[in-house]
Amino acid sequence: MSKNETFFVRLLSALICMTPLFGEITVGLLSEIDSNGKQKLLHRNTLIPCEPFGVVTLEKMILNGASPQECRSAIEHFYKAHPHDKQFAREHLYLQHSYHYEMIKEGCVLYGNGPESYSEMLLRQGLAVVDPAFKNNEWNGRFQRAQKGAESLKSGLHDTLIRKFCIKEEK
């Protein structure tokens, strides 16, 4: 091979090896926190809605509960007794801070605590349950561990009647 051919082959090899380094880094600026179940990120001057994926938050339970009146009442009573849990997103996610996120087909993965997703944080706190319709091998194990931890500690909704009133049990 000539010098020019060798140089071209090495240059091409280096570019191919460096291609993953130029992938899009999805970092968004947290611009709005509507509730524990709804946040908005700003990425490239576009607002991106980001709801916790793979979980059913207390806010979603109010809308889709098995017994809507009892569900709403139980959740409102829970939030009155635990005001910090109602403000969980505002206390653990900070407005105008940058967060890594991923858009997957099931929704938005917001990394709120290093490698731990915001959905896992909600599950660990007992402010959500794993969505029974969610089927993702990569995340199901992590979600189940976080939920079992909250159940064993009786934290959040696992120490109340919210599950009875708000979750439709499949038979």
N, C-alpha and C. Protein backbone atom coordinates (compact mmCIF):
# COMPACT_ATOMS: atom_id res chain seq x y z
N MET A 1 0.84 -1.17 0.00
CA MET A 1 0.00 0.00 0.00
C MET A 1 0.89 1.24 0.00
N SER A 2 0.43 2.26 -0.68
CA SER A 2 1.20 3.50 -0.71
C SER A 2 0.95 4.30 0.56
N LYS A 3 1.74 5.36 0.73
CA LYS A 3 1.59 6.21 1.92
C LYS A 3 0.19 6.83 1.96
N ASN A 4 -0.29 7.29 0.84
CA ASN A 4 -1.61 7.92 0.79
C ASN A 4 -2.72 6.93 1.13
N GLU A 5 -2.62 5.74 0.61
CA GLU A 5 -3.63 4.72 0.91
C GLU A 5 -3.60 4.36 2.39
N THR A 6 -2.41 4.19 2.95
CA THR A 6 -2.26 3.88 4.37
C THR A 6 -2.86 4.99 5.23
N PHE A 7 -2.55 6.24 4.88
CA PHE A 7 -3.08 7.38 5.62
C PHE A 7 -4.61 7.38 5.55
N PHE A 8 -5.17 7.15 4.37
CA PHE A 8 -6.61 7.14 4.19
C PHE A 8 -7.27 6.03 5.00
N VAL A 9 -6.70 4.86 5.02
CA VAL A 9 -7.24 3.72 5.77
C VAL A 9 -7.20 4.02 7.27
N ARG A 10 -6.10 4.59 7.76
CA ARG A 10 -6.00 4.92 9.19
C ARG A 10 -6.99 6.02 9.57
N LEU A 11 -7.13 7.02 8.71
CA LEU A 11 -8.07 8.10 8.98
C LEU A 11 -9.50 7.56 9.02
N LEU A 12 -9.85 6.72 8.08
CA LEU A 12 -11.18 6.12 8.04
C LEU A 12 -11.43 5.27 9.28
N SER A 13 -10.44 4.50 9.70
CA SER A 13 -10.56 3.66 10.91
C SER A 13 -10.76 4.53 12.14
N ALA A 14 -10.01 5.61 12.25
CA ALA A 14 -10.15 6.50 13.40
C ALA A 14 -11.53 7.13 13.44
N LEU A 15 -12.04 7.55 12.30
CA LEU A 15 -13.38 8.15 12.25
C LEU A 15 -14.46 7.16 12.63
N ILE A 16 -14.32 5.93 12.17
CA ILE A 16 -15.30 4.90 12.51
C ILE A 16 -15.28 4.62 14.01
N CYS A 17 -14.09 4.59 14.60
CA CYS A 17 -13.99 4.33 16.04
C CYS A 17 -14.53 5.49 16.86
N MET A 18 -14.47 6.70 16.35
CA MET A 18 -14.91 7.88 17.09
C MET A 18 -16.39 8.19 16.89
N THR A 19 -17.06 7.53 15.98
CA THR A 19 -18.46 7.82 15.68
C THR A 19 -19.35 7.76 16.92
N PRO A 20 -19.22 6.76 17.79
CA PRO A 20 -20.09 6.76 18.98
C PRO A 20 -19.88 7.97 19.88
N LEU A 21 -18.71 8.59 19.82
CA LEU A 21 -18.45 9.75 20.67
C LEU A 21 -19.25 10.96 20.24
N PHE A 22 -19.71 10.96 18.99
CA PHE A 22 -20.46 12.09 18.49
C PHE A 22 -21.96 11.87 18.52
N GLY A 23 -22.42 10.87 19.27
CA GLY A 23 -23.85 10.62 19.40
C GLY A 23 -24.51 11.75 20.16
N GLU A 24 -25.82 11.86 19.98
CA GLU A 24 -26.54 12.94 20.63
C GLU A 24 -26.64 12.69 22.12
N ILE A 25 -26.19 13.63 22.89
CA ILE A 25 -26.31 13.55 24.34
C ILE A 25 -27.64 14.20 24.68
N THR A 26 -28.54 13.43 25.23
CA THR A 26 -29.86 13.98 25.52
C THR A 26 -29.87 14.54 26.93
N VAL A 27 -29.62 15.80 27.00
CA VAL A 27 -29.66 16.53 28.26
C VAL A 27 -30.67 17.63 28.08
N GLY A 28 -31.59 17.68 28.98
CA GLY A 28 -32.63 18.70 28.90
C GLY A 28 -32.65 19.54 30.17
N LEU A 29 -33.10 20.75 30.03
CA LEU A 29 -33.22 21.68 31.14
C LEU A 29 -34.63 21.55 31.71
N LEU A 30 -34.73 21.22 32.98
CA LEU A 30 -36.05 21.07 33.61
C LEU A 30 -36.69 22.45 33.72
N SER A 31 -37.78 22.65 32.98
CA SER A 31 -38.39 23.98 32.95
C SER A 31 -39.70 24.06 33.72
N GLU A 32 -40.40 22.95 33.85
CA GLU A 32 -41.68 22.96 34.58
C GLU A 32 -41.85 21.68 35.36
N ILE A 33 -42.41 21.81 36.56
CA ILE A 33 -42.84 20.65 37.34
C ILE A 33 -44.31 20.88 37.65
N ASP A 34 -45.18 20.17 36.95
CA ASP A 34 -46.61 20.31 37.18
C ASP A 34 -47.05 19.53 38.41
N SER A 35 -46.53 18.31 38.54
CA SER A 35 -46.86 17.44 39.67
C SER A 35 -45.81 16.34 39.72
N ASN A 36 -46.00 15.39 40.62
CA ASN A 36 -45.08 14.25 40.66
C ASN A 36 -45.13 13.45 39.37
N GLY A 37 -46.22 13.54 38.65
CA GLY A 37 -46.40 12.74 37.45
C GLY A 37 -46.19 13.49 36.14
N LYS A 38 -45.87 14.79 36.18
CA LYS A 38 -45.69 15.54 34.93
C LYS A 38 -44.60 16.58 35.10
N GLN A 39 -43.61 16.48 34.21
CA GLN A 39 -42.55 17.47 34.14
C GLN A 39 -42.34 17.85 32.68
N LYS A 40 -41.71 18.98 32.45
CA LYS A 40 -41.38 19.39 31.08
C LYS A 40 -39.91 19.78 31.03
N LEU A 41 -39.23 19.25 30.01
CA LEU A 41 -37.82 19.54 29.79
C LEU A 41 -37.68 20.40 28.55
N LEU A 42 -36.69 21.26 28.56
CA LEU A 42 -36.39 22.08 27.41
C LEU A 42 -35.15 21.51 26.74
N HIS A 43 -35.30 21.10 25.47
CA HIS A 43 -34.17 20.54 24.71
C HIS A 43 -34.21 21.17 23.33
N ARG A 44 -33.15 21.87 22.98
CA ARG A 44 -33.06 22.55 21.68
C ARG A 44 -34.27 23.46 21.45
N ASN A 45 -34.58 24.25 22.45
CA ASN A 45 -35.68 25.22 22.41
C ASN A 45 -37.04 24.59 22.16
N THR A 46 -37.19 23.34 22.52
CA THR A 46 -38.47 22.64 22.39
C THR A 46 -38.85 22.07 23.75
N LEU A 47 -40.08 22.33 24.18
CA LEU A 47 -40.56 21.75 25.43
C LEU A 47 -40.95 20.30 25.19
N ILE A 48 -40.39 19.42 26.00
CA ILE A 48 -40.65 17.99 25.87
C ILE A 48 -41.37 17.53 27.13
N PRO A 49 -42.62 17.06 27.01
CA PRO A 49 -43.31 16.52 28.19
C PRO A 49 -42.66 15.22 28.61
N CYS A 50 -42.45 15.07 29.90
CA CYS A 50 -41.78 13.88 30.40
C CYS A 50 -42.56 13.36 31.61
N GLU A 51 -43.33 12.31 31.38
CA GLU A 51 -44.07 11.67 32.46
C GLU A 51 -43.33 10.39 32.83
N PRO A 52 -43.30 10.03 34.11
CA PRO A 52 -42.61 8.80 34.51
C PRO A 52 -43.17 7.61 33.74
N PHE A 53 -42.29 6.81 33.19
CA PHE A 53 -42.72 5.70 32.35
C PHE A 53 -42.79 4.42 33.17
N GLY A 54 -43.68 3.54 32.78
CA GLY A 54 -43.77 2.22 33.38
C GLY A 54 -44.39 2.17 34.75
N VAL A 55 -44.88 3.30 35.24
CA VAL A 55 -45.48 3.34 36.57
C VAL A 55 -46.82 4.06 36.51
N VAL A 56 -47.64 3.80 37.51
CA VAL A 56 -48.90 4.51 37.68
C VAL A 56 -48.73 5.36 38.93
N THR A 57 -48.66 6.68 38.72
CA THR A 57 -48.48 7.60 39.85
C THR A 57 -49.82 7.84 40.54
N LEU A 58 -49.76 8.44 41.72
CA LEU A 58 -50.99 8.74 42.44
C LEU A 58 -51.89 9.66 41.63
N GLU A 59 -51.30 10.58 40.88
CA GLU A 59 -52.09 11.49 40.05
C GLU A 59 -52.86 10.73 38.97
N LYS A 60 -52.23 9.72 38.38
CA LYS A 60 -52.93 8.90 37.38
C LYS A 60 -54.00 8.04 38.03
N MET A 61 -53.74 7.60 39.26
CA MET A 61 -54.72 6.77 39.97
C MET A 61 -56.01 7.53 40.22
N ILE A 62 -55.90 8.83 40.50
CA ILE A 62 -57.09 9.64 40.73
C ILE A 62 -57.98 9.62 39.49
N LEU A 63 -57.36 9.69 38.31
CA LEU A 63 -58.12 9.73 37.06
C LEU A 63 -58.70 8.38 36.68
N ASN A 64 -57.97 7.29 36.98
CA ASN A 64 -58.36 5.97 36.50
C ASN A 64 -58.64 4.98 37.63
N GLY A 65 -58.98 5.46 38.80
CA GLY A 65 -59.16 4.59 39.95
C GLY A 65 -60.35 3.66 39.84
N ALA A 66 -60.29 2.56 40.58
CA ALA A 66 -61.38 1.59 40.60
C ALA A 66 -62.64 2.21 41.20
N SER A 67 -62.47 2.96 42.28
CA SER A 67 -63.57 3.69 42.92
C SER A 67 -63.16 5.17 42.96
N PRO A 68 -63.53 5.95 41.97
CA PRO A 68 -63.00 7.31 41.82
C PRO A 68 -63.15 8.20 43.05
N GLN A 69 -64.32 8.22 43.67
CA GLN A 69 -64.53 9.10 44.83
C GLN A 69 -63.66 8.66 46.01
N GLU A 70 -63.69 7.37 46.33
CA GLU A 70 -62.89 6.88 47.44
C GLU A 70 -61.40 7.03 47.16
N CYS A 71 -61.01 6.82 45.91
CA CYS A 71 -59.61 6.95 45.52
C CYS A 71 -59.14 8.39 45.73
N ARG A 72 -59.90 9.35 45.19
CA ARG A 72 -59.54 10.76 45.34
C ARG A 72 -59.45 11.14 46.81
N SER A 73 -60.42 10.70 47.58
CA SER A 73 -60.45 11.01 49.01
C SER A 73 -59.23 10.41 49.73
N ALA A 74 -58.91 9.16 49.43
CA ALA A 74 -57.76 8.51 50.08
C ALA A 74 -56.44 9.20 49.72
N ILE A 75 -56.29 9.59 48.46
CA ILE A 75 -55.05 10.25 48.04
C ILE A 75 -54.96 11.64 48.64
N GLU A 76 -56.07 12.38 48.66
CA GLU A 76 -56.06 13.72 49.28
C GLU A 76 -55.74 13.62 50.77
N HIS A 77 -56.30 12.62 51.44
CA HIS A 77 -56.00 12.41 52.86
C HIS A 77 -54.51 12.07 53.05
N PHE A 78 -53.99 11.23 52.16
CA PHE A 78 -52.57 10.86 52.23
C PHE A 78 -51.68 12.09 52.05
N TYR A 79 -52.00 12.93 51.05
CA TYR A 79 -51.19 14.11 50.80
C TYR A 79 -51.29 15.14 51.93
N LYS A 80 -52.45 15.22 52.60
CA LYS A 80 -52.56 16.12 53.76
C LYS A 80 -51.68 15.63 54.90
N ALA A 81 -51.63 14.31 55.07
CA ALA A 81 -50.81 13.74 56.14
C ALA A 81 -49.32 13.74 55.79
N HIS A 82 -49.00 13.75 54.50
CA HIS A 82 -47.61 13.72 54.04
C HIS A 82 -47.36 14.81 53.00
N PRO A 83 -47.29 16.07 53.41
CA PRO A 83 -47.14 17.16 52.43
C PRO A 83 -45.83 17.09 51.64
N HIS A 84 -44.80 16.50 52.22
CA HIS A 84 -43.54 16.39 51.48
C HIS A 84 -43.67 15.42 50.31
N ASP A 85 -44.51 14.42 50.45
CA ASP A 85 -44.70 13.48 49.35
C ASP A 85 -45.44 14.13 48.18
N LYS A 86 -46.34 15.07 48.48
CA LYS A 86 -47.03 15.79 47.40
C LYS A 86 -46.04 16.65 46.62
N GLN A 87 -45.02 17.13 47.30
CA GLN A 87 -44.01 17.99 46.67
C GLN A 87 -42.73 17.21 46.32
N PHE A 88 -42.82 15.90 46.21
CA PHE A 88 -41.65 15.06 45.98
C PHE A 88 -40.83 15.51 44.78
N ALA A 89 -41.49 15.77 43.67
CA ALA A 89 -40.77 16.18 42.45
C ALA A 89 -40.06 17.51 42.68
N ARG A 90 -40.71 18.45 43.33
CA ARG A 90 -40.10 19.76 43.57
C ARG A 90 -38.93 19.69 44.54
N GLU A 91 -38.94 18.71 45.44
CA GLU A 91 -37.86 18.58 46.41
C GLU A 91 -36.68 17.77 45.90
N HIS A 92 -36.91 16.92 44.88
CA HIS A 92 -35.83 16.07 44.39
C HIS A 92 -35.36 16.42 42.98
N LEU A 93 -36.16 17.15 42.25
CA LEU A 93 -35.76 17.65 40.93
C LEU A 93 -35.75 19.17 41.03
N TYR A 94 -34.77 19.79 40.43
CA TYR A 94 -34.61 21.23 40.57
C TYR A 94 -34.85 21.93 39.24
N LEU A 95 -35.71 22.94 39.28
CA LEU A 95 -35.97 23.73 38.09
C LEU A 95 -34.68 24.39 37.60
N GLN A 96 -34.58 24.53 36.31
CA GLN A 96 -33.43 25.14 35.63
C GLN A 96 -32.13 24.37 35.83
N HIS A 97 -32.22 23.08 36.18
CA HIS A 97 -31.06 22.20 36.22
C HIS A 97 -31.16 21.25 35.02
N SER A 98 -30.02 20.81 34.56
CA SER A 98 -29.98 19.90 33.43
C SER A 98 -30.05 18.46 33.91
N TYR A 99 -30.85 17.66 33.22
CA TYR A 99 -30.99 16.25 33.54
C TYR A 99 -30.85 15.43 32.27
N HIS A 100 -30.24 14.27 32.42
CA HIS A 100 -30.14 13.33 31.32
C HIS A 100 -31.50 12.66 31.17
N TYR A 101 -31.92 12.48 29.93
CA TYR A 101 -33.17 11.76 29.70
C TYR A 101 -33.05 10.98 28.41
N GLU A 102 -33.93 10.00 28.28
CA GLU A 102 -34.02 9.18 27.07
C GLU A 102 -35.48 9.08 26.68
N MET A 103 -35.72 9.11 25.40
CA MET A 103 -37.07 8.86 24.91
C MET A 103 -37.08 7.42 24.39
N ILE A 104 -37.90 6.59 25.00
CA ILE A 104 -38.07 5.22 24.53
C ILE A 104 -39.52 5.07 24.12
N LYS A 105 -39.85 3.96 23.48
CA LYS A 105 -41.23 3.84 22.97
C LYS A 105 -42.27 3.84 24.08
N GLU A 106 -41.90 3.44 25.29
CA GLU A 106 -42.85 3.42 26.40
C GLU A 106 -43.00 4.79 27.05
N GLY A 107 -42.11 5.73 26.76
CA GLY A 107 -42.21 7.05 27.36
C GLY A 107 -40.86 7.71 27.56
N CYS A 108 -40.77 8.49 28.61
CA CYS A 108 -39.60 9.30 28.88
C CYS A 108 -38.89 8.77 30.13
N VAL A 109 -37.60 8.49 30.00
CA VAL A 109 -36.80 8.05 31.14
C VAL A 109 -36.01 9.26 31.62
N LEU A 110 -36.36 9.77 32.77
CA LEU A 110 -35.66 10.92 33.35
C LEU A 110 -34.76 10.40 34.46
N TYR A 111 -33.47 10.67 34.34
CA TYR A 111 -32.52 10.22 35.36
C TYR A 111 -32.39 11.32 36.40
N GLY A 112 -33.07 11.16 37.52
CA GLY A 112 -33.10 12.18 38.54
C GLY A 112 -32.06 11.99 39.62
N ASN A 113 -31.49 10.81 39.72
CA ASN A 113 -30.54 10.52 40.80
C ASN A 113 -29.43 9.63 40.25
N GLY A 114 -28.58 10.18 39.43
CA GLY A 114 -27.51 9.38 38.83
C GLY A 114 -28.08 8.31 37.94
N PRO A 115 -27.73 7.04 38.18
CA PRO A 115 -28.23 5.97 37.32
C PRO A 115 -29.68 5.58 37.61
N GLU A 116 -30.25 6.08 38.70
CA GLU A 116 -31.62 5.75 39.07
C GLU A 116 -32.60 6.66 38.33
N SER A 117 -33.59 6.07 37.73
CA SER A 117 -34.59 6.86 37.01
C SER A 117 -35.58 7.48 38.00
N TYR A 118 -36.27 8.51 37.53
CA TYR A 118 -37.27 9.16 38.36
C TYR A 118 -38.41 8.20 38.69
N SER A 119 -38.74 7.29 37.75
CA SER A 119 -39.78 6.29 38.01
C SER A 119 -39.38 5.41 39.19
N GLU A 120 -38.10 5.00 39.23
CA GLU A 120 -37.63 4.19 40.36
C GLU A 120 -37.69 4.97 41.67
N MET A 121 -37.38 6.26 41.60
CA MET A 121 -37.45 7.09 42.81
C MET A 121 -38.89 7.13 43.35
N LEU A 122 -39.86 7.28 42.45
CA LEU A 122 -41.26 7.30 42.87
C LEU A 122 -41.67 5.95 43.47
N LEU A 123 -41.26 4.87 42.84
CA LEU A 123 -41.59 3.54 43.36
C LEU A 123 -40.98 3.32 44.74
N ARG A 124 -39.72 3.71 44.90
CA ARG A 124 -39.01 3.52 46.17
C ARG A 124 -39.66 4.33 47.30
N GLN A 125 -40.26 5.47 46.94
CA GLN A 125 -40.91 6.33 47.93
C GLN A 125 -42.34 5.88 48.20
N GLY A 126 -42.87 4.99 47.35
CA GLY A 126 -44.24 4.52 47.51
C GLY A 126 -45.25 5.48 46.92
N LEU A 127 -44.84 6.28 45.95
CA LEU A 127 -45.74 7.25 45.32
C LEU A 127 -46.24 6.77 43.97
N ALA A 128 -45.94 5.53 43.64
CA ALA A 128 -46.39 4.94 42.37
C ALA A 128 -46.32 3.43 42.51
N VAL A 129 -46.96 2.74 41.59
CA VAL A 129 -46.86 1.29 41.49
C VAL A 129 -46.48 0.96 40.05
N VAL A 130 -45.92 -0.21 39.86
CA VAL A 130 -45.54 -0.63 38.52
C VAL A 130 -46.81 -0.84 37.70
N ASP A 131 -46.83 -0.28 36.52
CA ASP A 131 -47.98 -0.42 35.62
C ASP A 131 -48.06 -1.88 35.16
N PRO A 132 -49.18 -2.57 35.41
CA PRO A 132 -49.28 -3.98 35.02
C PRO A 132 -49.18 -4.19 33.51
N ALA A 133 -49.49 -3.17 32.72
CA ALA A 133 -49.41 -3.29 31.26
C ALA A 133 -48.00 -3.05 30.73
N PHE A 134 -47.09 -2.62 31.60
CA PHE A 134 -45.73 -2.29 31.17
C PHE A 134 -44.91 -3.57 31.04
N LYS A 135 -44.43 -3.82 29.85
CA LYS A 135 -43.61 -5.01 29.58
C LYS A 135 -42.30 -4.58 28.95
N ASN A 136 -41.28 -4.47 29.75
CA ASN A 136 -39.95 -4.10 29.25
C ASN A 136 -38.94 -4.85 30.09
N ASN A 137 -38.27 -5.82 29.50
CA ASN A 137 -37.35 -6.67 30.24
C ASN A 137 -36.22 -5.89 30.90
N GLU A 138 -35.79 -4.82 30.26
CA GLU A 138 -34.68 -4.03 30.81
C GLU A 138 -35.05 -3.36 32.12
N TRP A 139 -36.29 -2.91 32.24
CA TRP A 139 -36.69 -2.11 33.40
C TRP A 139 -37.54 -2.86 34.44
N ASN A 140 -38.23 -3.93 34.06
CA ASN A 140 -39.15 -4.60 34.99
C ASN A 140 -38.47 -5.04 36.28
N GLY A 141 -37.29 -5.62 36.19
CA GLY A 141 -36.58 -6.08 37.40
C GLY A 141 -36.25 -4.93 38.33
N ARG A 142 -35.77 -3.85 37.76
CA ARG A 142 -35.43 -2.68 38.58
C ARG A 142 -36.66 -2.10 39.26
N PHE A 143 -37.76 -2.03 38.50
CA PHE A 143 -39.00 -1.49 39.05
C PHE A 143 -39.55 -2.39 40.15
N GLN A 144 -39.52 -3.69 39.94
CA GLN A 144 -40.05 -4.63 40.93
C GLN A 144 -39.24 -4.53 42.23
N ARG A 145 -37.91 -4.43 42.13
CA ARG A 145 -37.07 -4.28 43.33
C ARG A 145 -37.41 -3.01 44.09
N ALA A 146 -37.57 -1.91 43.37
CA ALA A 146 -37.89 -0.64 44.02
C ALA A 146 -39.26 -0.71 44.70
N GLN A 147 -40.24 -1.31 44.04
CA GLN A 147 -41.57 -1.41 44.63
C GLN A 147 -41.57 -2.34 45.83
N LYS A 148 -40.87 -3.46 45.75
CA LYS A 148 -40.81 -4.40 46.89
C LYS A 148 -40.16 -3.73 48.10
N GLY A 149 -39.15 -2.90 47.85
CA GLY A 149 -38.52 -2.17 48.95
C GLY A 149 -39.51 -1.25 49.65
N ALA A 150 -40.33 -0.54 48.88
CA ALA A 150 -41.33 0.35 49.47
C ALA A 150 -42.40 -0.45 50.20
N GLU A 151 -42.78 -1.60 49.64
CA GLU A 151 -43.79 -2.44 50.30
C GLU A 151 -43.28 -2.97 51.62
N SER A 152 -42.02 -3.41 51.65
CA SER A 152 -41.48 -3.97 52.89
C SER A 152 -41.30 -2.90 53.96
N LEU A 153 -41.03 -1.66 53.56
CA LEU A 153 -40.90 -0.56 54.51
C LEU A 153 -42.24 0.10 54.82
N LYS A 154 -43.29 -0.34 54.12
CA LYS A 154 -44.63 0.25 54.27
C LYS A 154 -44.58 1.77 54.07
N SER A 155 -43.89 2.19 53.02
CA SER A 155 -43.79 3.62 52.75
C SER A 155 -44.79 4.04 51.68
N GLY A 156 -45.24 5.27 51.79
CA GLY A 156 -46.15 5.83 50.80
C GLY A 156 -47.49 5.14 50.80
N LEU A 157 -47.97 4.83 49.61
CA LEU A 157 -49.31 4.26 49.47
C LEU A 157 -49.42 2.85 50.02
N HIS A 158 -48.32 2.19 50.32
CA HIS A 158 -48.35 0.81 50.81
C HIS A 158 -48.77 0.73 52.28
N ASP A 159 -48.93 1.88 52.93
CA ASP A 159 -49.35 1.92 54.32
C ASP A 159 -50.78 2.49 54.43
N THR A 160 -51.48 2.54 53.31
CA THR A 160 -52.81 3.14 53.29
C THR A 160 -53.79 2.23 52.55
N LEU A 161 -55.01 2.72 52.37
CA LEU A 161 -56.03 1.99 51.62
C LEU A 161 -56.06 2.40 50.14
N ILE A 162 -55.07 3.15 49.72
CA ILE A 162 -55.04 3.64 48.34
C ILE A 162 -55.07 2.49 47.34
N ARG A 163 -54.31 1.45 47.61
CA ARG A 163 -54.29 0.30 46.67
C ARG A 163 -55.69 -0.30 46.50
N LYS A 164 -56.40 -0.39 47.61
CA LYS A 164 -57.74 -1.00 47.57
C LYS A 164 -58.70 -0.16 46.74
N PHE A 165 -58.66 1.16 46.91
CA PHE A 165 -59.61 2.04 46.24
C PHE A 165 -59.20 2.43 44.82
N CYS A 166 -57.91 2.44 44.56
CA CYS A 166 -57.44 3.04 43.31
C CYS A 166 -56.92 2.06 42.25
N ILE A 167 -56.59 0.85 42.64
CA ILE A 167 -56.01 -0.06 41.68
C ILE A 167 -57.00 -1.15 41.36
N LYS A 168 -57.27 -1.28 40.07
CA LYS A 168 -58.19 -2.31 39.60
C LYS A 168 -57.41 -3.62 39.56
N GLU A 169 -57.78 -4.54 40.40
CA GLU A 169 -57.10 -5.84 40.44
C GLU A 169 -57.67 -6.73 39.35
N GLU A 170 -56.79 -7.30 38.55
CA GLU A 170 -57.22 -8.22 37.49
C GLU A 170 -57.47 -9.59 38.10
N LYS A 171 -58.56 -10.23 37.70
CA LYS A 171 -58.89 -11.54 38.24
C LYS A 171 -58.88 -12.56 37.14
